Amino acid sequence: MSGAVAMGNNKITGLGTPTDAADVTNKSYVDGILGSATAAAASAATATTQATNSANSATASAASAVTSEEWATKTSGTVDGSEFSAKYYATQAATNYVAKAGSTMTGDLNLNSNELQNAVLTNATINYNNITGVEANVRSEFSASGNINYNSSTGVFSYTQPSTVSTFTNDAGYATLAEAESNSLALSIALG
């Protein structure tokens, strides 16, 4: 057969699967090829998206690793604009702070108007900015009555000996006339 064959809108049926490049093919064979091509294109698009997501994840992971390292090891400046790293604080503690016990401190201790309480100071030199205020506070803790007088502005105690000493029994540990006349009385003050 040669020449064109007009089918008049009729179908050719019963075609086999093509085996040669010039063979006529049927619809199911063409649909199968197109379906495979469409699936391959979708699979390629998914693979591209996954590759992009994987690259973004790797970039974020690398940035997170850098930030984590800074939180652990950065020794100057802040990590996030307001907080310092663990190593920064450890270095500050090791170089600028005194151990709770058994350590020696040099330099000034600035309490920023806070109180120092329950301290035992051995061989300490204490410089007060306001020694007058300290003296006034200490002096205000004392008082005296009877024949013993106390001047809180000078811190001086004085004793006024009575002009007459009456007779009494010494069963309560009072000073005797002989002790008073011999100046062997001692004044003992205990601060608690």
N, C-alpha and C. Protein backbone atom coordinates (compact mmCIF):
# COMPACT_ATOMS: atom_id res chain seq x y z
N MET A 1 0.86 -1.16 0.00
CA MET A 1 0.00 0.00 0.00
C MET A 1 0.91 1.23 0.00
N SER A 2 0.46 2.24 -0.75
CA SER A 2 1.22 3.48 -0.81
C SER A 2 0.24 4.62 -0.91
N GLY A 3 0.71 5.82 -0.49
CA GLY A 3 -0.17 6.98 -0.55
C GLY A 3 -0.91 7.17 0.76
N ALA A 4 -1.62 8.28 0.81
CA ALA A 4 -2.35 8.63 2.03
C ALA A 4 -3.61 7.82 2.13
N VAL A 5 -4.00 7.44 3.32
CA VAL A 5 -5.24 6.71 3.55
C VAL A 5 -6.12 7.61 4.40
N ALA A 6 -7.23 8.03 3.87
CA ALA A 6 -8.16 8.87 4.61
C ALA A 6 -9.07 7.96 5.39
N MET A 7 -9.11 8.11 6.72
CA MET A 7 -9.87 7.20 7.58
C MET A 7 -11.28 7.71 7.80
N GLY A 8 -11.55 8.95 7.43
CA GLY A 8 -12.91 9.47 7.56
C GLY A 8 -13.40 9.47 9.00
N ASN A 9 -12.57 9.84 9.87
CA ASN A 9 -12.88 9.94 11.31
C ASN A 9 -13.08 8.58 11.96
N ASN A 10 -12.60 7.52 11.31
CA ASN A 10 -12.67 6.16 11.86
C ASN A 10 -11.37 5.81 12.56
N LYS A 11 -11.42 4.81 13.41
CA LYS A 11 -10.26 4.40 14.20
C LYS A 11 -9.57 3.22 13.56
N ILE A 12 -8.28 3.16 13.83
CA ILE A 12 -7.54 1.95 13.48
C ILE A 12 -7.38 1.22 14.81
N THR A 13 -7.78 0.05 14.90
CA THR A 13 -7.74 -0.67 16.17
C THR A 13 -6.87 -1.89 16.04
N GLY A 14 -6.53 -2.42 17.22
CA GLY A 14 -5.77 -3.66 17.26
C GLY A 14 -4.31 -3.51 16.95
N LEU A 15 -3.75 -2.30 17.15
CA LEU A 15 -2.33 -2.10 16.89
C LEU A 15 -1.49 -2.72 18.00
N GLY A 16 -0.38 -3.28 17.65
CA GLY A 16 0.54 -3.84 18.65
C GLY A 16 1.50 -2.79 19.19
N THR A 17 2.29 -3.18 20.12
CA THR A 17 3.29 -2.28 20.72
C THR A 17 4.38 -2.05 19.69
N PRO A 18 4.77 -0.80 19.45
CA PRO A 18 5.77 -0.54 18.41
C PRO A 18 7.14 -1.10 18.81
N THR A 19 7.85 -1.58 17.85
CA THR A 19 9.19 -2.11 18.09
C THR A 19 10.22 -1.41 17.24
N ASP A 20 9.77 -0.71 16.20
CA ASP A 20 10.66 -0.03 15.29
C ASP A 20 10.37 1.45 15.35
N ALA A 21 11.32 2.30 15.00
CA ALA A 21 11.14 3.75 15.08
C ALA A 21 10.04 4.23 14.15
N ALA A 22 9.76 3.56 13.04
CA ALA A 22 8.74 4.00 12.08
C ALA A 22 7.40 3.33 12.32
N ASP A 23 7.23 2.50 13.37
CA ASP A 23 5.97 1.80 13.65
C ASP A 23 4.91 2.76 14.17
N VAL A 24 3.67 2.48 13.82
CA VAL A 24 2.52 3.20 14.37
C VAL A 24 2.35 2.70 15.79
N THR A 25 1.89 3.60 16.67
CA THR A 25 1.72 3.21 18.07
C THR A 25 0.29 3.40 18.51
N ASN A 26 -0.08 2.75 19.62
CA ASN A 26 -1.44 2.89 20.15
C ASN A 26 -1.46 3.90 21.30
N LYS A 27 -2.65 4.31 21.73
CA LYS A 27 -2.83 5.35 22.75
C LYS A 27 -2.26 4.92 24.10
N SER A 28 -2.47 3.70 24.54
CA SER A 28 -2.00 3.28 25.86
C SER A 28 -0.47 3.34 25.94
N TYR A 29 0.19 3.05 24.82
CA TYR A 29 1.65 3.14 24.82
C TYR A 29 2.08 4.59 24.97
N VAL A 30 1.45 5.51 24.24
CA VAL A 30 1.78 6.94 24.32
C VAL A 30 1.46 7.48 25.71
N ASP A 31 0.29 7.12 26.27
CA ASP A 31 -0.09 7.57 27.62
C ASP A 31 0.91 7.08 28.65
N GLY A 32 1.38 5.88 28.50
CA GLY A 32 2.38 5.33 29.43
C GLY A 32 3.67 6.13 29.38
N ILE A 33 4.11 6.46 28.18
CA ILE A 33 5.33 7.24 28.02
C ILE A 33 5.14 8.62 28.63
N LEU A 34 3.99 9.28 28.34
CA LEU A 34 3.73 10.61 28.89
C LEU A 34 3.61 10.58 30.41
N GLY A 35 2.97 9.53 30.94
CA GLY A 35 2.85 9.41 32.41
C GLY A 35 4.21 9.26 33.06
N SER A 36 5.08 8.48 32.47
CA SER A 36 6.43 8.31 33.01
C SER A 36 7.19 9.62 32.97
N ALA A 37 7.04 10.36 31.87
CA ALA A 37 7.74 11.64 31.74
C ALA A 37 7.22 12.64 32.77
N THR A 38 5.90 12.65 32.98
CA THR A 38 5.30 13.57 33.96
C THR A 38 5.77 13.20 35.36
N ALA A 39 5.77 11.91 35.70
CA ALA A 39 6.23 11.46 37.02
C ALA A 39 7.72 11.79 37.20
N ALA A 40 8.50 11.63 36.15
CA ALA A 40 9.93 11.93 36.24
C ALA A 40 10.14 13.42 36.47
N ALA A 41 9.34 14.26 35.81
CA ALA A 41 9.46 15.72 35.99
C ALA A 41 9.06 16.10 37.42
N ALA A 42 7.99 15.50 37.95
CA ALA A 42 7.55 15.78 39.32
C ALA A 42 8.61 15.33 40.32
N SER A 43 9.18 14.17 40.05
CA SER A 43 10.22 13.64 40.93
C SER A 43 11.45 14.53 40.91
N ALA A 44 11.80 15.05 39.75
CA ALA A 44 12.94 15.96 39.64
C ALA A 44 12.68 17.26 40.40
N ALA A 45 11.43 17.76 40.29
CA ALA A 45 11.08 19.00 41.01
C ALA A 45 11.15 18.79 42.52
N THR A 46 10.66 17.63 42.99
CA THR A 46 10.71 17.30 44.41
C THR A 46 12.16 17.18 44.88
N ALA A 47 12.97 16.55 44.06
CA ALA A 47 14.39 16.40 44.41
C ALA A 47 15.07 17.76 44.50
N THR A 48 14.74 18.68 43.60
CA THR A 48 15.31 20.03 43.63
C THR A 48 14.90 20.76 44.90
N THR A 49 13.61 20.66 45.26
CA THR A 49 13.11 21.29 46.48
C THR A 49 13.80 20.71 47.71
N GLN A 50 13.93 19.39 47.74
CA GLN A 50 14.59 18.74 48.87
C GLN A 50 16.07 19.15 48.97
N ALA A 51 16.72 19.28 47.83
CA ALA A 51 18.13 19.70 47.83
C ALA A 51 18.25 21.13 48.36
N THR A 52 17.31 22.02 47.98
CA THR A 52 17.31 23.40 48.47
C THR A 52 17.08 23.43 49.98
N ASN A 53 16.06 22.65 50.43
CA ASN A 53 15.78 22.58 51.86
C ASN A 53 16.96 22.03 52.64
N SER A 54 17.61 21.04 52.09
CA SER A 54 18.78 20.45 52.74
C SER A 54 19.92 21.46 52.85
N ALA A 55 20.12 22.24 51.80
CA ALA A 55 21.17 23.27 51.81
C ALA A 55 20.84 24.35 52.84
N ASN A 56 19.56 24.76 52.89
CA ASN A 56 19.14 25.76 53.89
C ASN A 56 19.34 25.23 55.30
N SER A 57 19.01 23.96 55.51
CA SER A 57 19.16 23.35 56.82
C SER A 57 20.64 23.27 57.21
N ALA A 58 21.47 22.94 56.25
CA ALA A 58 22.92 22.88 56.52
C ALA A 58 23.46 24.26 56.88
N THR A 59 22.98 25.30 56.18
CA THR A 59 23.41 26.68 56.48
C THR A 59 22.96 27.07 57.88
N ALA A 60 21.70 26.78 58.22
CA ALA A 60 21.18 27.10 59.55
C ALA A 60 21.92 26.32 60.62
N SER A 61 22.22 25.07 60.34
CA SER A 61 22.95 24.23 61.30
C SER A 61 24.36 24.78 61.53
N ALA A 62 25.00 25.21 60.47
CA ALA A 62 26.35 25.79 60.60
C ALA A 62 26.30 27.07 61.42
N ALA A 63 25.29 27.91 61.18
CA ALA A 63 25.15 29.16 61.94
C ALA A 63 24.87 28.84 63.41
N SER A 64 24.05 27.84 63.66
CA SER A 64 23.74 27.43 65.03
C SER A 64 24.99 26.90 65.72
N ALA A 65 25.81 26.18 65.00
CA ALA A 65 27.05 25.66 65.58
C ALA A 65 27.99 26.80 65.96
N VAL A 66 28.07 27.82 65.12
CA VAL A 66 28.91 28.98 65.41
C VAL A 66 28.37 29.70 66.65
N THR A 67 27.06 29.90 66.72
CA THR A 67 26.46 30.57 67.88
C THR A 67 26.67 29.75 69.15
N SER A 68 26.51 28.43 69.05
CA SER A 68 26.74 27.56 70.20
C SER A 68 28.17 27.66 70.68
N GLU A 69 29.10 27.69 69.74
CA GLU A 69 30.51 27.83 70.11
C GLU A 69 30.76 29.17 70.79
N GLU A 70 30.12 30.23 70.29
CA GLU A 70 30.28 31.55 70.92
C GLU A 70 29.72 31.55 72.33
N TRP A 71 28.55 30.93 72.56
CA TRP A 71 27.98 30.86 73.91
C TRP A 71 28.92 30.13 74.86
N ALA A 72 29.68 29.19 74.32
CA ALA A 72 30.58 28.42 75.18
C ALA A 72 31.95 29.08 75.35
N THR A 73 32.48 29.74 74.30
CA THR A 73 33.90 30.11 74.35
C THR A 73 34.23 31.57 74.14
N LYS A 74 33.32 32.41 73.74
CA LYS A 74 33.64 33.80 73.44
C LYS A 74 34.11 34.51 74.70
N THR A 75 35.26 35.20 74.62
CA THR A 75 35.84 35.81 75.82
C THR A 75 35.70 37.32 75.89
N SER A 76 35.23 37.96 74.83
CA SER A 76 35.04 39.41 74.89
C SER A 76 33.76 39.78 74.17
N GLY A 77 33.08 40.78 74.68
CA GLY A 77 31.84 41.22 74.06
C GLY A 77 30.70 40.24 74.32
N THR A 78 29.51 40.67 73.96
CA THR A 78 28.33 39.82 74.18
C THR A 78 28.11 38.89 73.00
N VAL A 79 27.37 37.83 73.24
CA VAL A 79 27.07 36.86 72.19
C VAL A 79 25.86 37.34 71.38
N ASP A 80 24.84 37.80 72.08
CA ASP A 80 23.60 38.17 71.40
C ASP A 80 23.27 39.66 71.52
N GLY A 81 24.23 40.46 71.93
CA GLY A 81 24.00 41.89 72.08
C GLY A 81 23.74 42.31 73.52
N SER A 82 23.42 41.34 74.40
CA SER A 82 23.18 41.71 75.80
C SER A 82 23.77 40.72 76.80
N GLU A 83 24.02 39.49 76.40
CA GLU A 83 24.52 38.47 77.33
C GLU A 83 25.91 38.00 76.92
N PHE A 84 26.71 37.63 77.95
CA PHE A 84 28.07 37.16 77.73
C PHE A 84 28.10 35.62 77.75
N SER A 85 29.20 35.06 77.26
CA SER A 85 29.34 33.60 77.19
C SER A 85 29.71 33.01 78.55
N ALA A 86 29.60 31.69 78.62
CA ALA A 86 29.97 30.97 79.84
C ALA A 86 31.46 31.15 80.13
N LYS A 87 32.30 31.11 79.09
CA LYS A 87 33.74 31.26 79.29
C LYS A 87 34.07 32.67 79.77
N TYR A 88 33.36 33.67 79.27
CA TYR A 88 33.59 35.04 79.72
C TYR A 88 33.36 35.15 81.22
N TYR A 89 32.21 34.62 81.68
CA TYR A 89 31.90 34.69 83.11
C TYR A 89 32.90 33.87 83.94
N ALA A 90 33.31 32.72 83.43
CA ALA A 90 34.29 31.90 84.16
C ALA A 90 35.63 32.63 84.26
N THR A 91 36.04 33.28 83.19
CA THR A 91 37.30 34.04 83.20
C THR A 91 37.20 35.20 84.18
N GLN A 92 36.07 35.91 84.16
CA GLN A 92 35.88 37.01 85.10
C GLN A 92 35.94 36.52 86.54
N ALA A 93 35.30 35.40 86.81
CA ALA A 93 35.29 34.85 88.17
C ALA A 93 36.69 34.43 88.60
N ALA A 94 37.43 33.84 87.67
CA ALA A 94 38.77 33.36 88.01
C ALA A 94 39.76 34.50 88.25
N THR A 95 39.57 35.61 87.56
CA THR A 95 40.55 36.69 87.66
C THR A 95 40.13 37.84 88.55
N ASN A 96 38.83 38.03 88.79
CA ASN A 96 38.38 39.23 89.49
C ASN A 96 37.71 38.98 90.83
N TYR A 97 37.50 37.75 91.21
CA TYR A 97 36.76 37.50 92.43
C TYR A 97 37.59 36.67 93.40
N VAL A 98 37.30 36.86 94.68
CA VAL A 98 38.01 36.17 95.74
C VAL A 98 37.21 34.93 96.13
N ALA A 99 37.91 33.85 96.40
CA ALA A 99 37.24 32.63 96.83
C ALA A 99 36.54 32.88 98.16
N LYS A 100 35.52 32.08 98.46
CA LYS A 100 34.77 32.27 99.69
C LYS A 100 35.65 32.06 100.92
N ALA A 101 36.64 31.22 100.85
CA ALA A 101 37.49 30.96 102.02
C ALA A 101 38.92 30.72 101.56
N GLY A 102 39.86 31.17 102.39
CA GLY A 102 41.26 30.86 102.16
C GLY A 102 41.94 31.67 101.08
N SER A 103 41.36 32.75 100.62
CA SER A 103 41.96 33.53 99.56
C SER A 103 42.38 34.89 100.09
N THR A 104 43.23 35.56 99.36
CA THR A 104 43.70 36.88 99.74
C THR A 104 43.21 37.89 98.72
N MET A 105 42.76 39.02 99.21
CA MET A 105 42.25 40.05 98.32
C MET A 105 43.16 41.26 98.38
N THR A 106 43.41 41.88 97.24
CA THR A 106 44.15 43.14 97.20
C THR A 106 43.28 44.15 96.48
N GLY A 107 43.55 45.41 96.74
CA GLY A 107 42.78 46.45 96.05
C GLY A 107 41.57 46.86 96.86
N ASP A 108 40.77 47.72 96.27
CA ASP A 108 39.60 48.27 96.94
C ASP A 108 38.41 47.33 96.81
N LEU A 109 37.57 47.37 97.83
CA LEU A 109 36.31 46.64 97.82
C LEU A 109 35.21 47.68 97.84
N ASN A 110 34.49 47.82 96.74
CA ASN A 110 33.43 48.81 96.63
C ASN A 110 32.10 48.11 96.86
N LEU A 111 31.44 48.44 97.97
CA LEU A 111 30.18 47.79 98.32
C LEU A 111 28.97 48.52 97.75
N ASN A 112 29.21 49.61 97.04
CA ASN A 112 28.11 50.36 96.41
C ASN A 112 26.97 50.63 97.39
N SER A 113 27.29 51.16 98.55
CA SER A 113 26.34 51.50 99.61
C SER A 113 25.69 50.29 100.27
N ASN A 114 26.17 49.09 99.99
CA ASN A 114 25.67 47.90 100.67
C ASN A 114 26.44 47.69 101.96
N GLU A 115 25.89 46.88 102.85
CA GLU A 115 26.53 46.62 104.13
C GLU A 115 27.40 45.38 104.06
N LEU A 116 28.47 45.40 104.84
CA LEU A 116 29.31 44.23 105.03
C LEU A 116 28.94 43.68 106.39
N GLN A 117 28.40 42.47 106.44
CA GLN A 117 27.91 41.90 107.69
C GLN A 117 28.63 40.61 108.02
N ASN A 118 28.71 40.33 109.31
CA ASN A 118 29.28 39.08 109.82
C ASN A 118 30.70 38.85 109.31
N ALA A 119 31.49 39.91 109.25
CA ALA A 119 32.86 39.79 108.74
C ALA A 119 33.83 39.72 109.91
N VAL A 120 34.82 38.85 109.79
CA VAL A 120 35.92 38.81 110.74
C VAL A 120 37.14 39.35 110.01
N LEU A 121 37.63 40.50 110.45
CA LEU A 121 38.75 41.14 109.78
C LEU A 121 40.01 40.94 110.62
N THR A 122 40.99 40.26 110.06
CA THR A 122 42.25 40.02 110.75
C THR A 122 43.33 40.81 110.03
N ASN A 123 44.07 41.61 110.79
CA ASN A 123 45.14 42.45 110.24
C ASN A 123 44.63 43.32 109.09
N ALA A 124 43.46 43.86 109.26
CA ALA A 124 42.86 44.66 108.20
C ALA A 124 43.05 46.14 108.49
N THR A 125 43.32 46.89 107.46
CA THR A 125 43.34 48.34 107.55
C THR A 125 42.07 48.84 106.90
N ILE A 126 41.26 49.54 107.67
CA ILE A 126 39.98 50.00 107.16
C ILE A 126 40.03 51.51 107.07
N ASN A 127 39.82 52.03 105.89
CA ASN A 127 39.76 53.47 105.69
C ASN A 127 38.30 53.86 105.53
N TYR A 128 37.85 54.73 106.40
CA TYR A 128 36.47 55.19 106.34
C TYR A 128 36.43 56.52 105.62
N ASN A 129 35.47 56.67 104.76
CA ASN A 129 35.27 57.95 104.11
C ASN A 129 34.66 58.96 105.06
N ASN A 130 33.91 58.46 106.05
CA ASN A 130 33.23 59.34 106.97
C ASN A 130 33.49 58.84 108.39
N ILE A 131 34.69 59.07 108.91
CA ILE A 131 35.05 58.58 110.24
C ILE A 131 34.20 59.26 111.30
N THR A 132 33.78 60.50 111.06
CA THR A 132 32.94 61.20 112.03
C THR A 132 31.61 60.48 112.18
N GLY A 133 31.04 60.04 111.11
CA GLY A 133 29.79 59.29 111.17
C GLY A 133 29.95 57.98 111.90
N VAL A 134 31.08 57.29 111.68
CA VAL A 134 31.34 56.02 112.36
C VAL A 134 31.48 56.26 113.85
N GLU A 135 32.27 57.27 114.22
CA GLU A 135 32.45 57.59 115.64
C GLU A 135 31.13 57.93 116.30
N ALA A 136 30.32 58.71 115.62
CA ALA A 136 29.02 59.10 116.18
C ALA A 136 28.14 57.87 116.39
N ASN A 137 28.18 56.93 115.43
CA ASN A 137 27.37 55.71 115.58
C ASN A 137 27.84 54.87 116.75
N VAL A 138 29.15 54.75 116.92
CA VAL A 138 29.69 53.97 118.03
C VAL A 138 29.38 54.68 119.35
N ARG A 139 29.60 55.97 119.41
CA ARG A 139 29.36 56.71 120.65
C ARG A 139 27.89 56.67 121.06
N SER A 140 27.01 56.60 120.10
CA SER A 140 25.58 56.58 120.44
C SER A 140 25.16 55.26 121.09
N GLU A 141 26.02 54.25 121.04
CA GLU A 141 25.70 52.95 121.64
C GLU A 141 25.95 52.94 123.14
N PHE A 142 26.65 53.93 123.70
CA PHE A 142 26.98 53.96 125.13
C PHE A 142 26.02 54.87 125.87
N SER A 143 25.84 54.56 127.14
CA SER A 143 25.10 55.45 128.03
C SER A 143 25.60 55.22 129.45
N ALA A 144 25.34 56.14 130.33
CA ALA A 144 25.77 56.02 131.72
C ALA A 144 24.71 56.66 132.61
N SER A 145 24.70 56.24 133.88
CA SER A 145 23.77 56.84 134.83
C SER A 145 24.39 56.85 136.22
N GLY A 146 23.75 57.53 137.09
CA GLY A 146 24.25 57.61 138.47
C GLY A 146 25.48 58.49 138.54
N ASN A 147 26.51 58.04 139.23
CA ASN A 147 27.74 58.80 139.41
C ASN A 147 28.68 58.68 138.22
N ILE A 148 28.35 57.81 137.26
CA ILE A 148 29.17 57.69 136.05
C ILE A 148 28.48 58.50 134.96
N ASN A 149 29.23 59.40 134.35
CA ASN A 149 28.70 60.26 133.30
C ASN A 149 29.35 59.90 131.97
N TYR A 150 28.63 60.13 130.91
CA TYR A 150 29.17 59.86 129.57
C TYR A 150 28.81 61.01 128.67
N ASN A 151 29.83 61.52 127.94
CA ASN A 151 29.63 62.60 126.98
C ASN A 151 29.69 61.96 125.59
N SER A 152 28.53 61.82 124.93
CA SER A 152 28.49 61.12 123.64
C SER A 152 29.14 61.92 122.53
N SER A 153 29.34 63.21 122.68
CA SER A 153 30.00 63.97 121.62
C SER A 153 31.51 63.83 121.67
N THR A 154 32.07 63.54 122.86
CA THR A 154 33.53 63.35 122.97
C THR A 154 33.90 61.90 123.21
N GLY A 155 32.95 61.09 123.70
CA GLY A 155 33.23 59.69 124.00
C GLY A 155 33.93 59.51 125.33
N VAL A 156 33.88 60.51 126.21
CA VAL A 156 34.60 60.45 127.48
C VAL A 156 33.64 60.05 128.60
N PHE A 157 34.08 59.04 129.41
CA PHE A 157 33.37 58.66 130.63
C PHE A 157 34.01 59.40 131.80
N SER A 158 33.20 59.77 132.75
CA SER A 158 33.75 60.39 133.96
C SER A 158 32.98 59.87 135.17
N TYR A 159 33.64 59.96 136.31
CA TYR A 159 33.05 59.49 137.55
C TYR A 159 33.04 60.63 138.54
N THR A 160 31.90 60.85 139.13
CA THR A 160 31.79 61.87 140.17
C THR A 160 31.68 61.15 141.50
N GLN A 161 32.72 61.35 142.32
CA GLN A 161 32.73 60.68 143.62
C GLN A 161 31.78 61.42 144.56
N PRO A 162 30.90 60.68 145.25
CA PRO A 162 29.99 61.33 146.17
C PRO A 162 30.78 62.03 147.28
N SER A 163 30.21 63.12 147.80
CA SER A 163 30.90 63.86 148.86
C SER A 163 30.87 63.11 150.18
N THR A 164 29.89 62.27 150.38
CA THR A 164 29.85 61.45 151.60
C THR A 164 29.55 60.02 151.20
N VAL A 165 30.22 59.14 151.87
CA VAL A 165 29.99 57.72 151.63
C VAL A 165 29.34 57.16 152.88
N SER A 166 28.16 56.63 152.73
CA SER A 166 27.46 56.08 153.89
C SER A 166 27.92 54.66 154.16
N THR A 167 27.59 54.20 155.32
CA THR A 167 27.97 52.85 155.71
C THR A 167 27.00 51.86 155.06
N PHE A 168 27.54 50.79 154.47
CA PHE A 168 26.70 49.74 153.90
C PHE A 168 27.43 48.43 154.01
N THR A 169 26.69 47.36 153.89
CA THR A 169 27.34 46.05 153.91
C THR A 169 27.73 45.70 152.48
N ASN A 170 28.85 45.03 152.35
CA ASN A 170 29.41 44.73 151.03
C ASN A 170 29.06 43.29 150.61
N ASP A 171 27.78 43.00 150.57
CA ASP A 171 27.39 41.65 150.17
C ASP A 171 26.98 41.56 148.71
N ALA A 172 27.03 42.66 148.00
CA ALA A 172 26.63 42.64 146.60
C ALA A 172 27.78 43.02 145.67
N GLY A 173 29.01 43.00 146.17
CA GLY A 173 30.15 43.29 145.31
C GLY A 173 30.35 44.76 145.04
N TYR A 174 29.85 45.67 145.91
CA TYR A 174 30.05 47.09 145.72
C TYR A 174 31.51 47.44 146.00
N ALA A 175 31.94 48.57 145.46
CA ALA A 175 33.30 49.04 145.74
C ALA A 175 33.36 49.50 147.20
N THR A 176 34.47 49.19 147.84
CA THR A 176 34.65 49.61 149.23
C THR A 176 35.28 50.98 149.26
N LEU A 177 35.20 51.65 150.41
CA LEU A 177 35.80 52.97 150.59
C LEU A 177 37.30 52.90 150.34
N ALA A 178 37.95 51.85 150.81
CA ALA A 178 39.40 51.69 150.63
C ALA A 178 39.75 51.59 149.14
N GLU A 179 38.94 50.85 148.36
CA GLU A 179 39.20 50.73 146.92
C GLU A 179 39.01 52.07 146.23
N ALA A 180 37.96 52.78 146.63
CA ALA A 180 37.69 54.08 146.01
C ALA A 180 38.79 55.07 146.31
N GLU A 181 39.32 55.05 147.54
CA GLU A 181 40.37 56.01 147.92
C GLU A 181 41.71 55.65 147.30
N SER A 182 41.94 54.38 147.03
CA SER A 182 43.23 53.97 146.47
C SER A 182 43.25 54.01 144.95
N ASN A 183 42.17 54.48 144.34
CA ASN A 183 42.06 54.55 142.87
C ASN A 183 42.25 53.20 142.17
N SER A 184 41.83 52.14 142.84
CA SER A 184 42.00 50.82 142.23
C SER A 184 40.72 50.30 141.57
N LEU A 185 39.82 51.21 141.29
CA LEU A 185 38.61 50.82 140.59
C LEU A 185 38.88 50.75 139.09
N ALA A 186 38.30 49.79 138.43
CA ALA A 186 38.45 49.67 136.96
C ALA A 186 37.06 49.68 136.32
N LEU A 187 36.95 50.32 135.19
CA LEU A 187 35.69 50.37 134.47
C LEU A 187 35.80 49.38 133.31
N SER A 188 34.88 48.45 133.27
CA SER A 188 34.90 47.41 132.23
C SER A 188 33.67 47.57 131.36
N ILE A 189 33.85 47.67 130.04
CA ILE A 189 32.74 47.84 129.10
C ILE A 189 32.80 46.68 128.11
N ALA A 190 31.70 46.02 127.96
CA ALA A 190 31.63 44.93 126.98
C ALA A 190 30.69 45.32 125.86
N LEU A 191 31.17 45.24 124.64
CA LEU A 191 30.33 45.53 123.46
C LEU A 191 29.83 44.21 122.93
N GLY A 192 28.55 44.16 122.67
CA GLY A 192 28.02 42.88 122.22
C GLY A 192 27.35 42.91 120.93
